[in-house]
Amino acid sequence: MAKREEILTRALDVIAREGYRGASVKELADAVGLSQAGLLHYFDSKEELFTEILRKRDELDATGRGLSGDVEHGLTADAELDLAGVRDGYLGVVRHNADVPGLVHLFARLSVDAADPEHAAHDYFVQRGIGLREFFAATIAAGQESGEIDDRIDPAVLARLFQAVADGMQVQWMLEPEVDMAATVDALFELITRRR
């Protein structure tokens, strides 16, 4: 298991630096001192390897933002995390994505390929979406109960909008790198937050 973790950690660095297209199995194997066959001994396929790299990225993003659990199976806050804390954490992840374009490309590419139910990443993306939306919906519902968030729209719908905006902004950013992804996502927070 330690070697698998090393592979995933190194792969994150290689893909962030070289991009999805530049990160061949050979390059990833070289980064950890293995042959290509040796690398794939730890994973069933290249697609599974890339899916696990995204899982590792999600784990590191959550840990660095005061969250426990994982996006697929349920996020929980390590401490009392209010709307402002969730907003700061989410925007922090979006800002960080601008620093790791290769991982954004990998996420976008795999998310499209994973629409095929037979793809190795299909279940990951489905469960990730559900887990992320459940966490956001609970946060939004609490904000609606406290009066911080407009309560005219169902929390589950707002959670899906946040996911759609964040994912869509990644595609726009890949096409137009000058786009500020975080500012656009933050505008959605502004729209739902009640003025006091």
Protein backbone atom coordinates (compact mmCIF):
# COMPACT_ATOMS: atom_id res chain seq x y z
CA MET A 1 0.00 0.00 0.00
CA ALA A 2 2.87 2.40 0.69
CA LYS A 3 4.13 2.05 -2.89
CA ARG A 4 0.64 2.69 -4.25
CA GLU A 5 0.41 5.88 -2.15
CA GLU A 6 3.84 6.95 -3.40
CA ILE A 7 2.74 6.36 -6.98
CA LEU A 8 -0.38 8.48 -6.51
CA THR A 9 1.47 11.30 -4.77
CA ARG A 10 4.18 11.43 -7.42
CA ALA A 11 1.62 11.15 -10.21
CA LEU A 12 -0.20 14.20 -8.87
CA ASP A 13 3.02 16.18 -9.17
CA VAL A 14 3.83 14.88 -12.66
CA ILE A 15 0.35 15.56 -14.03
CA ALA A 16 0.16 18.99 -12.40
CA ARG A 17 3.50 19.84 -14.02
CA GLU A 18 3.34 18.01 -17.36
CA GLY A 19 -0.40 17.91 -17.96
CA TYR A 20 -2.67 15.00 -18.69
CA ARG A 21 -1.38 14.46 -22.22
CA GLY A 22 2.24 14.68 -21.09
CA ALA A 23 1.80 12.15 -18.31
CA SER A 24 2.24 8.79 -19.96
CA VAL A 25 2.30 5.57 -17.99
CA LYS A 26 6.02 5.41 -18.82
CA GLU A 27 6.66 8.87 -17.35
CA LEU A 28 4.65 8.07 -14.24
CA ALA A 29 6.51 4.76 -13.86
CA ASP A 30 9.87 6.52 -14.28
CA ALA A 31 8.91 9.02 -11.56
CA VAL A 32 8.60 6.20 -9.02
CA GLY A 33 11.39 3.97 -10.33
CA LEU A 34 9.20 1.26 -11.81
CA SER A 35 8.69 -0.26 -15.23
CA GLN A 36 5.35 0.36 -16.92
CA ALA A 37 4.32 -3.22 -16.12
CA GLY A 38 5.47 -2.70 -12.53
CA LEU A 39 3.38 0.45 -12.23
CA LEU A 40 0.28 -1.22 -13.67
CA HIS A 41 0.75 -4.08 -11.21
CA TYR A 42 -0.78 -1.70 -8.65
CA PHE A 43 -3.72 -0.73 -10.89
CA ASP A 44 -5.98 -2.69 -13.24
CA SER A 45 -5.61 -0.21 -16.10
CA LYS A 46 -4.41 3.25 -17.05
CA GLU A 47 -7.98 4.47 -16.53
CA GLU A 48 -8.03 3.10 -13.00
CA LEU A 49 -4.66 4.73 -12.31
CA PHE A 50 -5.99 8.11 -13.45
CA THR A 51 -9.19 7.64 -11.43
CA GLU A 52 -7.15 6.90 -8.31
CA ILE A 53 -5.04 10.00 -8.97
CA LEU A 54 -8.23 12.09 -8.90
CA ARG A 55 -9.34 10.36 -5.67
CA LYS A 56 -5.99 11.26 -4.13
CA ARG A 57 -6.39 14.86 -5.29
CA ASP A 58 -9.84 15.03 -3.70
CA GLU A 59 -8.47 13.59 -0.46
CA LEU A 60 -5.69 16.19 -0.28
CA ASP A 61 -8.06 19.03 -1.20
CA ALA A 62 -10.49 18.04 1.56
CA THR A 63 -7.82 17.51 4.20
CA GLY A 64 -6.31 20.91 3.54
CA ARG A 65 -9.69 22.56 4.05
CA GLY A 66 -10.77 21.22 7.45
CA LEU A 67 -12.86 18.34 6.12
CA SER A 68 -12.91 14.63 6.91
CA GLY A 69 -14.22 11.69 4.97
CA ASP A 70 -14.12 11.82 1.23
CA VAL A 71 -16.14 13.36 -1.54
CA GLU A 72 -17.49 10.02 -2.74
CA HIS A 73 -18.69 8.65 0.59
CA GLY A 74 -19.51 11.79 2.48
CA LEU A 75 -17.63 14.83 3.65
CA THR A 76 -17.87 16.06 7.19
CA ALA A 77 -16.37 19.14 8.76
CA ASP A 78 -13.62 18.54 11.34
CA ALA A 79 -15.15 21.29 13.47
CA GLU A 80 -18.15 23.58 13.25
CA LEU A 81 -17.87 24.82 9.68
CA ASP A 82 -20.31 27.59 8.83
CA LEU A 83 -21.26 28.91 5.41
CA ALA A 84 -18.30 31.30 5.39
CA GLY A 85 -15.92 28.42 6.12
CA VAL A 86 -17.40 26.24 3.39
CA ARG A 87 -17.27 29.18 0.99
CA ASP A 88 -13.60 29.89 1.79
CA GLY A 89 -12.69 26.22 1.47
CA TYR A 90 -14.50 25.71 -1.81
CA LEU A 91 -13.05 28.86 -3.32
CA GLY A 92 -9.63 27.75 -2.09
CA VAL A 93 -9.97 24.51 -4.05
CA VAL A 94 -11.12 26.41 -7.15
CA ARG A 95 -8.17 28.83 -6.86
CA HIS A 96 -5.76 25.92 -6.38
CA ASN A 97 -7.08 24.32 -9.57
CA ALA A 98 -5.68 27.25 -11.54
CA ASP A 99 -2.22 26.23 -10.26
CA VAL A 100 -2.55 22.61 -11.43
CA PRO A 101 -3.83 22.78 -15.01
CA GLY A 102 -2.84 19.20 -15.77
CA LEU A 103 -5.13 17.92 -13.04
CA VAL A 104 -7.98 20.11 -14.30
CA HIS A 105 -7.48 18.64 -17.79
CA LEU A 106 -7.40 15.12 -16.36
CA PHE A 107 -10.61 15.74 -14.40
CA ALA A 108 -12.40 17.21 -17.42
CA ARG A 109 -11.26 14.46 -19.78
CA LEU A 110 -12.10 11.62 -17.42
CA SER A 111 -15.48 13.12 -16.50
CA VAL A 112 -16.52 13.02 -20.16
CA ASP A 113 -15.14 9.52 -20.72
CA ALA A 114 -16.82 8.34 -17.50
CA ALA A 115 -20.26 9.01 -18.95
CA ASP A 116 -19.86 5.49 -20.31
CA PRO A 117 -21.09 3.18 -17.53
CA GLU A 118 -18.34 0.69 -18.46
CA HIS A 119 -15.54 3.21 -17.89
CA ALA A 120 -13.32 2.66 -14.84
CA ALA A 121 -14.09 6.18 -13.56
CA HIS A 122 -17.89 6.02 -13.99
CA ASP A 123 -18.74 5.06 -10.40
CA TYR A 124 -16.16 7.50 -9.04
CA PHE A 125 -17.73 10.45 -10.83
CA VAL A 126 -21.30 9.44 -9.99
CA GLN A 127 -20.52 8.92 -6.30
CA ARG A 128 -18.31 12.02 -6.16
CA GLY A 129 -21.14 14.15 -7.52
CA ILE A 130 -23.62 12.71 -5.05
CA GLY A 131 -21.25 13.16 -2.10
CA LEU A 132 -20.34 16.72 -3.02
CA ARG A 133 -23.97 17.71 -3.54
CA GLU A 134 -25.08 16.13 -0.26
CA PHE A 135 -22.42 18.08 1.64
CA PHE A 136 -23.37 21.33 -0.09
CA ALA A 137 -27.10 20.71 0.29
CA ALA A 138 -26.68 20.18 4.05
CA THR A 139 -24.60 23.36 4.33
CA ILE A 140 -27.10 25.33 2.27
CA ALA A 141 -30.06 23.97 4.26
CA ALA A 142 -28.36 25.07 7.50
CA GLY A 143 -27.73 28.49 5.95
CA GLN A 144 -31.36 28.73 4.93
CA GLU A 145 -32.50 27.82 8.44
CA SER A 146 -30.27 30.50 9.94
CA GLY A 147 -31.44 33.09 7.41
CA GLU A 148 -28.01 33.50 5.77
CA ILE A 149 -29.15 31.98 2.48
CA ASP A 150 -32.23 32.74 0.43
CA ASP A 151 -34.69 29.91 0.96
CA ARG A 152 -36.65 30.18 -2.29
CA ILE A 153 -34.64 27.41 -3.98
CA ASP A 154 -34.33 23.85 -2.74
CA PRO A 155 -30.88 23.12 -1.20
CA ALA A 156 -30.39 20.08 -3.47
CA VAL A 157 -30.97 22.24 -6.56
CA LEU A 158 -28.53 24.89 -5.31
CA ALA A 159 -25.95 22.19 -4.57
CA ARG A 160 -26.27 20.91 -8.14
CA LEU A 161 -25.86 24.47 -9.44
CA PHE A 162 -22.62 24.86 -7.47
CA GLN A 163 -21.28 21.65 -8.94
CA ALA A 164 -22.33 22.64 -12.45
CA VAL A 165 -20.80 26.10 -12.17
CA ALA A 166 -17.49 24.82 -10.78
CA ASP A 167 -17.19 22.04 -13.37
CA GLY A 168 -18.27 24.33 -16.19
CA MET A 169 -15.82 27.03 -15.15
CA GLN A 170 -12.99 24.51 -15.43
CA VAL A 171 -13.86 23.91 -19.07
CA GLN A 172 -14.16 27.65 -19.74
CA TRP A 173 -10.82 28.23 -18.01
CA MET A 174 -9.10 25.59 -20.15
CA LEU A 175 -10.33 27.45 -23.24
CA GLU A 176 -9.77 30.95 -21.81
CA PRO A 177 -7.03 30.80 -19.13
CA GLU A 178 -7.58 34.43 -18.16
CA VAL A 179 -11.03 33.57 -16.72
CA ASP A 180 -11.13 33.83 -12.94
CA MET A 181 -12.85 30.60 -11.92
CA ALA A 182 -13.00 31.47 -8.23
CA ALA A 183 -14.57 34.89 -8.83
CA THR A 184 -17.32 33.32 -10.91
CA VAL A 185 -18.06 30.62 -8.33
CA ASP A 186 -17.98 33.27 -5.61
CA ALA A 187 -20.60 35.26 -7.55
CA LEU A 188 -22.97 32.32 -7.06
CA PHE A 189 -22.38 32.50 -3.30
CA GLU A 190 -23.15 36.23 -3.49
CA LEU A 191 -26.40 35.57 -5.33
CA ILE A 192 -27.75 33.20 -2.68
CA THR A 193 -26.50 35.05 0.40
CA ARG A 194 -28.97 37.37 2.05
CA ARG A 195 -27.88 40.91 2.84
CA ARG A 196 -28.18 41.90 6.50
